Amino acid sequence: MTSALLAKYLGLKLRATQALISCAATLGFIKCLNNKYELSSLGKAYLDSKSPSYYGKVLDLLIQEHSIMNYEYIKKQF
């Protein structure tokens, strides 16, 4: 997808999408070919739900439990 199409698909503003793209590319999860972005082999390994090493469910849990899965919450416990 192009960054504009990805922004529309995710329901995000273009600038926010471009920031996420930059982070994902820096981490090696996506690659750019002809101004279109796609998952790299590393991205496919961890972000494709059909992959045996899919990590999305862990990320979903971290998002779901964001109120307790952060440094400030842990700091308050001690």
PDB file of N, CA and C in Angstrom:
ATOM      1  N   MET A   1       0.832  -1.186   0.000  1.00  0.00           N
ATOM      2  CA  MET A   1       0.000   0.000   0.000  1.00  0.00           C
ATOM      3  C   MET A   1       0.877   1.250   0.000  1.00  0.00           C
ATOM      4  N   THR A   2       0.331   2.313  -0.503  1.00  0.00           N
ATOM      5  CA  THR A   2       0.998   3.600  -0.367  1.00  0.00           C
ATOM      6  C   THR A   2       0.730   4.136   1.035  1.00  0.00           C
ATOM      7  N   SER A   3       1.475   5.135   1.457  1.00  0.00           N
ATOM      8  CA  SER A   3       1.256   5.697   2.792  1.00  0.00           C
ATOM      9  C   SER A   3      -0.137   6.322   2.895  1.00  0.00           C
ATOM     10  N   ALA A   4      -0.618   6.960   1.831  1.00  0.00           N
ATOM     11  CA  ALA A   4      -1.950   7.568   1.856  1.00  0.00           C
ATOM     12  C   ALA A   4      -3.038   6.502   1.981  1.00  0.00           C
ATOM     13  N   LEU A   5      -2.900   5.415   1.247  1.00  0.00           N
ATOM     14  CA  LEU A   5      -3.876   4.328   1.325  1.00  0.00           C
ATOM     15  C   LEU A   5      -3.832   3.657   2.691  1.00  0.00           C
ATOM     16  N   LEU A   6      -2.643   3.479   3.213  1.00  0.00           N
ATOM     17  CA  LEU A   6      -2.492   2.884   4.540  1.00  0.00           C
ATOM     18  C   LEU A   6      -3.126   3.774   5.607  1.00  0.00           C
ATOM     19  N   ALA A   7      -2.933   5.097   5.498  1.00  0.00           N
ATOM     20  CA  ALA A   7      -3.542   6.038   6.441  1.00  0.00           C
ATOM     21  C   ALA A   7      -5.062   5.917   6.413  1.00  0.00           C
ATOM     22  N   LYS A   8      -5.623   5.841   5.209  1.00  0.00           N
ATOM     23  CA  LYS A   8      -7.077   5.703   5.076  1.00  0.00           C
ATOM     24  C   LYS A   8      -7.545   4.378   5.676  1.00  0.00           C
ATOM     25  N   TYR A   9      -6.834   3.304   5.384  1.00  0.00           N
ATOM     26  CA  TYR A   9      -7.188   1.974   5.891  1.00  0.00           C
ATOM     27  C   TYR A   9      -7.159   1.940   7.417  1.00  0.00           C
ATOM     28  N   LEU A  10      -6.147   2.584   8.020  1.00  0.00           N
ATOM     29  CA  LEU A  10      -6.007   2.589   9.476  1.00  0.00           C
ATOM     30  C   LEU A  10      -6.854   3.656  10.160  1.00  0.00           C
ATOM     31  N   GLY A  11      -7.386   4.594   9.375  1.00  0.00           N
ATOM     32  CA  GLY A  11      -8.172   5.679   9.958  1.00  0.00           C
ATOM     33  C   GLY A  11      -7.301   6.686  10.690  1.00  0.00           C
ATOM     34  N   LEU A  12      -6.079   6.876  10.197  1.00  0.00           N
ATOM     35  CA  LEU A  12      -5.132   7.798  10.814  1.00  0.00           C
ATOM     36  C   LEU A  12      -4.828   8.945   9.867  1.00  0.00           C
ATOM     37  N   LYS A  13      -4.321  10.027  10.425  1.00  0.00           N
ATOM     38  CA  LYS A  13      -3.857  11.120   9.585  1.00  0.00           C
ATOM     39  C   LYS A  13      -2.567  10.683   8.899  1.00  0.00           C
ATOM     40  N   LEU A  14      -2.302  11.278   7.745  1.00  0.00           N
ATOM     41  CA  LEU A  14      -1.148  10.892   6.947  1.00  0.00           C
ATOM     42  C   LEU A  14       0.160  11.059   7.730  1.00  0.00           C
ATOM     43  N   ARG A  15       0.298  12.151   8.444  1.00  0.00           N
ATOM     44  CA  ARG A  15       1.549  12.385   9.185  1.00  0.00           C
ATOM     45  C   ARG A  15       1.773  11.298  10.246  1.00  0.00           C
ATOM     46  N   ALA A  16       0.734  10.919  10.966  1.00  0.00           N
ATOM     47  CA  ALA A  16       0.859   9.858  11.973  1.00  0.00           C
ATOM     48  C   ALA A  16       1.223   8.532  11.313  1.00  0.00           C
ATOM     49  N   THR A  17       0.609   8.262  10.177  1.00  0.00           N
ATOM     50  CA  THR A  17       0.910   7.036   9.443  1.00  0.00           C
ATOM     51  C   THR A  17       2.355   7.021   8.979  1.00  0.00           C
ATOM     52  N   GLN A  18       2.842   8.152   8.497  1.00  0.00           N
ATOM     53  CA  GLN A  18       4.229   8.225   8.052  1.00  0.00           C
ATOM     54  C   GLN A  18       5.203   8.008   9.212  1.00  0.00           C
ATOM     55  N   ALA A  19       4.843   8.476  10.396  1.00  0.00           N
ATOM     56  CA  ALA A  19       5.686   8.244  11.572  1.00  0.00           C
ATOM     57  C   ALA A  19       5.721   6.753  11.914  1.00  0.00           C
ATOM     58  N   LEU A  20       4.568   6.103  11.858  1.00  0.00           N
ATOM     59  CA  LEU A  20       4.514   4.657  12.122  1.00  0.00           C
ATOM     60  C   LEU A  20       5.289   3.877  11.067  1.00  0.00           C
ATOM     61  N   ILE A  21       5.175   4.294   9.822  1.00  0.00           N
ATOM     62  CA  ILE A  21       5.913   3.647   8.742  1.00  0.00           C
ATOM     63  C   ILE A  21       7.415   3.764   8.992  1.00  0.00           C
ATOM     64  N   SER A  22       7.852   4.946   9.393  1.00  0.00           N
ATOM     65  CA  SER A  22       9.278   5.150   9.669  1.00  0.00           C
ATOM     66  C   SER A  22       9.760   4.224  10.779  1.00  0.00           C
ATOM     67  N   CYS A  23       8.974   4.110  11.841  1.00  0.00           N
ATOM     68  CA  CYS A  23       9.350   3.220  12.954  1.00  0.00           C
ATOM     69  C   CYS A  23       9.387   1.764  12.503  1.00  0.00           C
ATOM     70  N   ALA A  24       8.351   1.337  11.799  1.00  0.00           N
ATOM     71  CA  ALA A  24       8.283  -0.050  11.345  1.00  0.00           C
ATOM     72  C   ALA A  24       9.413  -0.374  10.373  1.00  0.00           C
ATOM     73  N   ALA A  25       9.757   0.570   9.519  1.00  0.00           N
ATOM     74  CA  ALA A  25      10.852   0.356   8.562  1.00  0.00           C
ATOM     75  C   ALA A  25      12.190   0.303   9.294  1.00  0.00           C
ATOM     76  N   THR A  26      12.381   1.177  10.271  1.00  0.00           N
ATOM     77  CA  THR A  26      13.622   1.181  11.043  1.00  0.00           C
ATOM     78  C   THR A  26      13.811  -0.137  11.783  1.00  0.00           C
ATOM     79  N   LEU A  27      12.720  -0.704  12.272  1.00  0.00           N
ATOM     80  CA  LEU A  27      12.787  -1.982  12.973  1.00  0.00           C
ATOM     81  C   LEU A  27      12.890  -3.172  12.014  1.00  0.00           C
ATOM     82  N   GLY A  28      12.738  -2.915  10.725  1.00  0.00           N
ATOM     83  CA  GLY A  28      12.868  -3.972   9.728  1.00  0.00           C
ATOM     84  C   GLY A  28      11.597  -4.761   9.467  1.00  0.00           C
ATOM     85  N   PHE A  29      10.437  -4.253   9.918  1.00  0.00           N
ATOM     86  CA  PHE A  29       9.185  -4.977   9.727  1.00  0.00           C
ATOM     87  C   PHE A  29       8.547  -4.738   8.368  1.00  0.00           C
ATOM     88  N   ILE A  30       8.862  -3.607   7.740  1.00  0.00           N
ATOM     89  CA  ILE A  30       8.305  -3.317   6.422  1.00  0.00           C
ATOM     90  C   ILE A  30       9.419  -2.851   5.494  1.00  0.00           C
ATOM     91  N   LYS A  31       9.109  -2.901   4.210  1.00  0.00           N
ATOM     92  CA  LYS A  31      10.043  -2.405   3.201  1.00  0.00           C
ATOM     93  C   LYS A  31       9.243  -1.613   2.170  1.00  0.00           C
ATOM     94  N   CYS A  32       9.937  -0.734   1.489  1.00  0.00           N
ATOM     95  CA  CYS A  32       9.305   0.114   0.478  1.00  0.00           C
ATOM     96  C   CYS A  32       9.828  -0.271  -0.900  1.00  0.00           C
ATOM     97  N   LEU A  33       8.911  -0.556  -1.801  1.00  0.00           N
ATOM     98  CA  LEU A  33       9.237  -0.845  -3.196  1.00  0.00           C
ATOM     99  C   LEU A  33       8.306  -0.023  -4.068  1.00  0.00           C
ATOM    100  N   ASN A  34       8.883   0.841  -4.914  1.00  0.00           N
ATOM    101  CA  ASN A  34       8.088   1.681  -5.821  1.00  0.00           C
ATOM    102  C   ASN A  34       7.036   2.510  -5.087  1.00  0.00           C
ATOM    103  N   ASN A  35       7.426   3.114  -3.969  1.00  0.00           N
ATOM    104  CA  ASN A  35       6.542   3.951  -3.146  1.00  0.00           C
ATOM    105  C   ASN A  35       5.361   3.198  -2.539  1.00  0.00           C
ATOM    106  N   LYS A  36       5.477   1.887  -2.452  1.00  0.00           N
ATOM    107  CA  LYS A  36       4.451   1.072  -1.807  1.00  0.00           C
ATOM    108  C   LYS A  36       5.126   0.272  -0.698  1.00  0.00           C
ATOM    109  N   TYR A  37       4.429   0.133   0.410  1.00  0.00           N
ATOM    110  CA  TYR A  37       4.986  -0.550   1.575  1.00  0.00           C
ATOM    111  C   TYR A  37       4.393  -1.942   1.705  1.00  0.00           C
ATOM    112  N   GLU A  38       5.248  -2.860   2.110  1.00  0.00           N
ATOM    113  CA  GLU A  38       4.800  -4.234   2.355  1.00  0.00           C
ATOM    114  C   GLU A  38       5.626  -4.818   3.485  1.00  0.00           C
ATOM    115  N   LEU A  39       5.122  -5.884   4.068  1.00  0.00           N
ATOM    116  CA  LEU A  39       5.862  -6.545   5.136  1.00  0.00           C
ATOM    117  C   LEU A  39       7.158  -7.136   4.588  1.00  0.00           C
ATOM    118  N   SER A  40       8.208  -6.988   5.354  1.00  0.00           N
ATOM    119  CA  SER A  40       9.477  -7.647   5.020  1.00  0.00           C
ATOM    120  C   SER A  40       9.383  -9.098   5.471  1.00  0.00           C
ATOM    121  N   SER A  41      10.418  -9.878   5.261  1.00  0.00           N
ATOM    122  CA  SER A  41      10.397 -11.264   5.736  1.00  0.00           C
ATOM    123  C   SER A  41      10.305 -11.294   7.266  1.00  0.00           C
ATOM    124  N   LEU A  42      10.964 -10.361   7.941  1.00  0.00           N
ATOM    125  CA  LEU A  42      10.858 -10.281   9.399  1.00  0.00           C
ATOM    126  C   LEU A  42       9.436  -9.911   9.809  1.00  0.00           C
ATOM    127  N   GLY A  43       8.853  -8.935   9.111  1.00  0.00           N
ATOM    128  CA  GLY A  43       7.476  -8.542   9.390  1.00  0.00           C
ATOM    129  C   GLY A  43       6.495  -9.679   9.176  1.00  0.00           C
ATOM    130  N   LYS A  44       6.702 -10.434   8.099  1.00  0.00           N
ATOM    131  CA  LYS A  44       5.828 -11.586   7.836  1.00  0.00           C
ATOM    132  C   LYS A  44       5.950 -12.628   8.941  1.00  0.00           C
ATOM    133  N   ALA A  45       7.156 -12.819   9.449  1.00  0.00           N
ATOM    134  CA  ALA A  45       7.369 -13.821  10.505  1.00  0.00           C
ATOM    135  C   ALA A  45       6.609 -13.471  11.774  1.00  0.00           C
ATOM    136  N   TYR A  46       6.589 -12.197  12.156  1.00  0.00           N
ATOM    137  CA  TYR A  46       5.998 -11.810  13.434  1.00  0.00           C
ATOM    138  C   TYR A  46       4.641 -11.130  13.346  1.00  0.00           C
ATOM    139  N   LEU A  47       4.277 -10.608  12.184  1.00  0.00           N
ATOM    140  CA  LEU A  47       3.037  -9.837  12.078  1.00  0.00           C
ATOM    141  C   LEU A  47       1.985 -10.462  11.182  1.00  0.00           C
ATOM    142  N   ASP A  48       2.286 -11.561  10.550  1.00  0.00           N
ATOM    143  CA  ASP A  48       1.310 -12.265   9.714  1.00  0.00           C
ATOM    144  C   ASP A  48       0.641 -13.323  10.583  1.00  0.00           C
ATOM    145  N   SER A  49      -0.665 -13.227  10.730  1.00  0.00           N
ATOM    146  CA  SER A  49      -1.391 -14.139  11.625  1.00  0.00           C
ATOM    147  C   SER A  49      -1.280 -15.603  11.210  1.00  0.00           C
ATOM    148  N   LYS A  50      -0.837 -15.872   9.989  1.00  0.00           N
ATOM    149  CA  LYS A  50      -0.671 -17.261   9.535  1.00  0.00           C
ATOM    150  C   LYS A  50       0.708 -17.826   9.888  1.00  0.00           C
ATOM    151  N   SER A  51       1.590 -16.969  10.379  1.00  0.00           N
ATOM    152  CA  SER A  51       2.950 -17.400  10.704  1.00  0.00           C
ATOM    153  C   SER A  51       2.989 -18.133  12.047  1.00  0.00           C
ATOM    154  N   PRO A  52       3.805 -19.178  12.170  1.00  0.00           N
ATOM    155  CA  PRO A  52       3.910 -19.885  13.464  1.00  0.00           C
ATOM    156  C   PRO A  52       4.549 -19.029  14.556  1.00  0.00           C
ATOM    157  N   SER A  53       5.248 -17.964  14.183  1.00  0.00           N
ATOM    158  CA  SER A  53       5.863 -17.090  15.189  1.00  0.00           C
ATOM    159  C   SER A  53       5.107 -15.764  15.328  1.00  0.00           C
ATOM    160  N   TYR A  54       3.822 -15.757  14.963  1.00  0.00           N
ATOM    161  CA  TYR A  54       2.974 -14.562  15.037  1.00  0.00           C
ATOM    162  C   TYR A  54       2.965 -13.992  16.447  1.00  0.00           C
ATOM    163  N   TYR A  55       3.188 -12.677  16.555  1.00  0.00           N
ATOM    164  CA  TYR A  55       3.290 -12.012  17.844  1.00  0.00           C
ATOM    165  C   TYR A  55       2.118 -11.066  18.094  1.00  0.00           C
ATOM    166  N   GLY A  56       1.189 -11.005  17.184  1.00  0.00           N
ATOM    167  CA  GLY A  56       0.079 -10.066  17.273  1.00  0.00           C
ATOM    168  C   GLY A  56      -0.788 -10.218  18.494  1.00  0.00           C
ATOM    169  N   LYS A  57      -1.012 -11.437  18.941  1.00  0.00           N
ATOM    170  CA  LYS A  57      -1.860 -11.642  20.116  1.00  0.00           C
ATOM    171  C   LYS A  57      -1.224 -11.038  21.364  1.00  0.00           C
ATOM    172  N   VAL A  58       0.091 -11.106  21.463  1.00  0.00           N
ATOM    173  CA  VAL A  58       0.789 -10.482  22.591  1.00  0.00           C
ATOM    174  C   VAL A  58       0.624  -8.971  22.515  1.00  0.00           C
ATOM    175  N   LEU A  59       0.775  -8.409  21.325  1.00  0.00           N
ATOM    176  CA  LEU A  59       0.595  -6.968  21.157  1.00  0.00           C
ATOM    177  C   LEU A  59      -0.838  -6.559  21.479  1.00  0.00           C
ATOM    178  N   ASP A  60      -1.812  -7.356  21.057  1.00  0.00           N
ATOM    179  CA  ASP A  60      -3.215  -7.082  21.387  1.00  0.00           C
ATOM    180  C   ASP A  60      -3.427  -7.064  22.896  1.00  0.00           C
ATOM    181  N   LEU A  61      -2.818  -8.000  23.607  1.00  0.00           N
ATOM    182  CA  LEU A  61      -2.942  -8.060  25.061  1.00  0.00           C
ATOM    183  C   LEU A  61      -2.323  -6.823  25.701  1.00  0.00           C
ATOM    184  N   LEU A  62      -1.155  -6.408  25.227  1.00  0.00           N
ATOM    185  CA  LEU A  62      -0.514  -5.214  25.776  1.00  0.00           C
ATOM    186  C   LEU A  62      -1.376  -3.974  25.558  1.00  0.00           C
ATOM    187  N   ILE A  63      -2.011  -3.887  24.404  1.00  0.00           N
ATOM    188  CA  ILE A  63      -2.902  -2.757  24.130  1.00  0.00           C
ATOM    189  C   ILE A  63      -4.132  -2.825  25.025  1.00  0.00           C
ATOM    190  N   GLN A  64      -4.708  -4.007  25.158  1.00  0.00           N
ATOM    191  CA  GLN A  64      -5.907  -4.191  25.972  1.00  0.00           C
ATOM    192  C   GLN A  64      -5.637  -3.858  27.432  1.00  0.00           C
ATOM    193  N   GLU A  65      -4.482  -4.225  27.926  1.00  0.00           N
ATOM    194  CA  GLU A  65      -4.147  -4.027  29.339  1.00  0.00           C
ATOM    195  C   GLU A  65      -3.214  -2.839  29.544  1.00  0.00           C
ATOM    196  N   HIS A  66      -3.319  -1.835  28.692  1.00  0.00           N
ATOM    197  CA  HIS A  66      -2.397  -0.695  28.758  1.00  0.00           C
ATOM    198  C   HIS A  66      -2.405   0.011  30.110  1.00  0.00           C
ATOM    199  N   SER A  67      -3.540  -0.032  30.813  1.00  0.00           N
ATOM    200  CA  SER A  67      -3.607   0.679  32.090  1.00  0.00           C
ATOM    201  C   SER A  67      -2.717   0.057  33.161  1.00  0.00           C
ATOM    202  N   ILE A  68      -2.382  -1.229  33.027  1.00  0.00           N
ATOM    203  CA  ILE A  68      -1.504  -1.865  34.017  1.00  0.00           C
ATOM    204  C   ILE A  68      -0.161  -2.290  33.443  1.00  0.00           C
ATOM    205  N   MET A  69      -0.019  -2.189  32.131  1.00  0.00           N
ATOM    206  CA  MET A  69       1.221  -2.633  31.484  1.00  0.00           C
ATOM    207  C   MET A  69       2.124  -1.444  31.170  1.00  0.00           C
ATOM    208  N   ASN A  70       2.420  -0.635  32.181  1.00  0.00           N
ATOM    209  CA  ASN A  70       3.300   0.501  31.958  1.00  0.00           C
ATOM    210  C   ASN A  70       4.123   0.794  33.210  1.00  0.00           C
ATOM    211  N   TYR A  71       5.147   1.544  33.015  1.00  0.00           N
ATOM    212  CA  TYR A  71       6.093   1.837  34.093  1.00  0.00           C
ATOM    213  C   TYR A  71       5.441   2.599  35.246  1.00  0.00           C
ATOM    214  N   GLU A  72       4.589   3.560  34.961  1.00  0.00           N
ATOM    215  CA  GLU A  72       3.962   4.353  36.009  1.00  0.00           C
ATOM    216  C   GLU A  72       3.111   3.481  36.932  1.00  0.00           C
ATOM    217  N   TYR A  73       2.383   2.515  36.373  1.00  0.00           N
ATOM    218  CA  TYR A  73       1.567   1.624  37.191  1.00  0.00           C
ATOM    219  C   TYR A  73       2.450   0.784  38.119  1.00  0.00           C
ATOM    220  N   ILE A  74       3.503   0.227  37.565  1.00  0.00           N
ATOM    221  CA  ILE A  74       4.416  -0.597  38.375  1.00  0.00           C
ATOM    222  C   ILE A  74       5.060   0.237  39.474  1.00  0.00           C
ATOM    223  N   LYS A  75       5.456   1.443  39.161  1.00  0.00           N
ATOM    224  CA  LYS A  75       6.080   2.339  40.137  1.00  0.00           C
ATOM    225  C   LYS A  75       5.137   2.625  41.302  1.00  0.00           C
ATOM    226  N   LYS A  76       3.843   2.777  41.032  1.00  0.00           N
ATOM    227  CA  LYS A  76       2.854   3.048  42.080  1.00  0.00           C
ATOM    228  C   LYS A  76       2.643   1.850  43.005  1.00  0.00           C
ATOM    229  N   GLN A  77       2.954   0.650  42.514  1.00  0.00           N
ATOM    230  CA  GLN A  77       2.733  -0.552  43.311  1.00  0.00           C
ATOM    231  C   GLN A  77       3.754  -0.727  44.419  1.00  0.00           C
ATOM    232  N   PHE A  78       4.875  -0.046  44.309  1.00  0.00           N
ATOM    233  CA  PHE A  78       5.954  -0.218  45.291  1.00  0.00           C
ATOM    234  C   PHE A  78       6.170   0.999  46.061  1.00  0.00           C
TER     235      PHE A  78
END
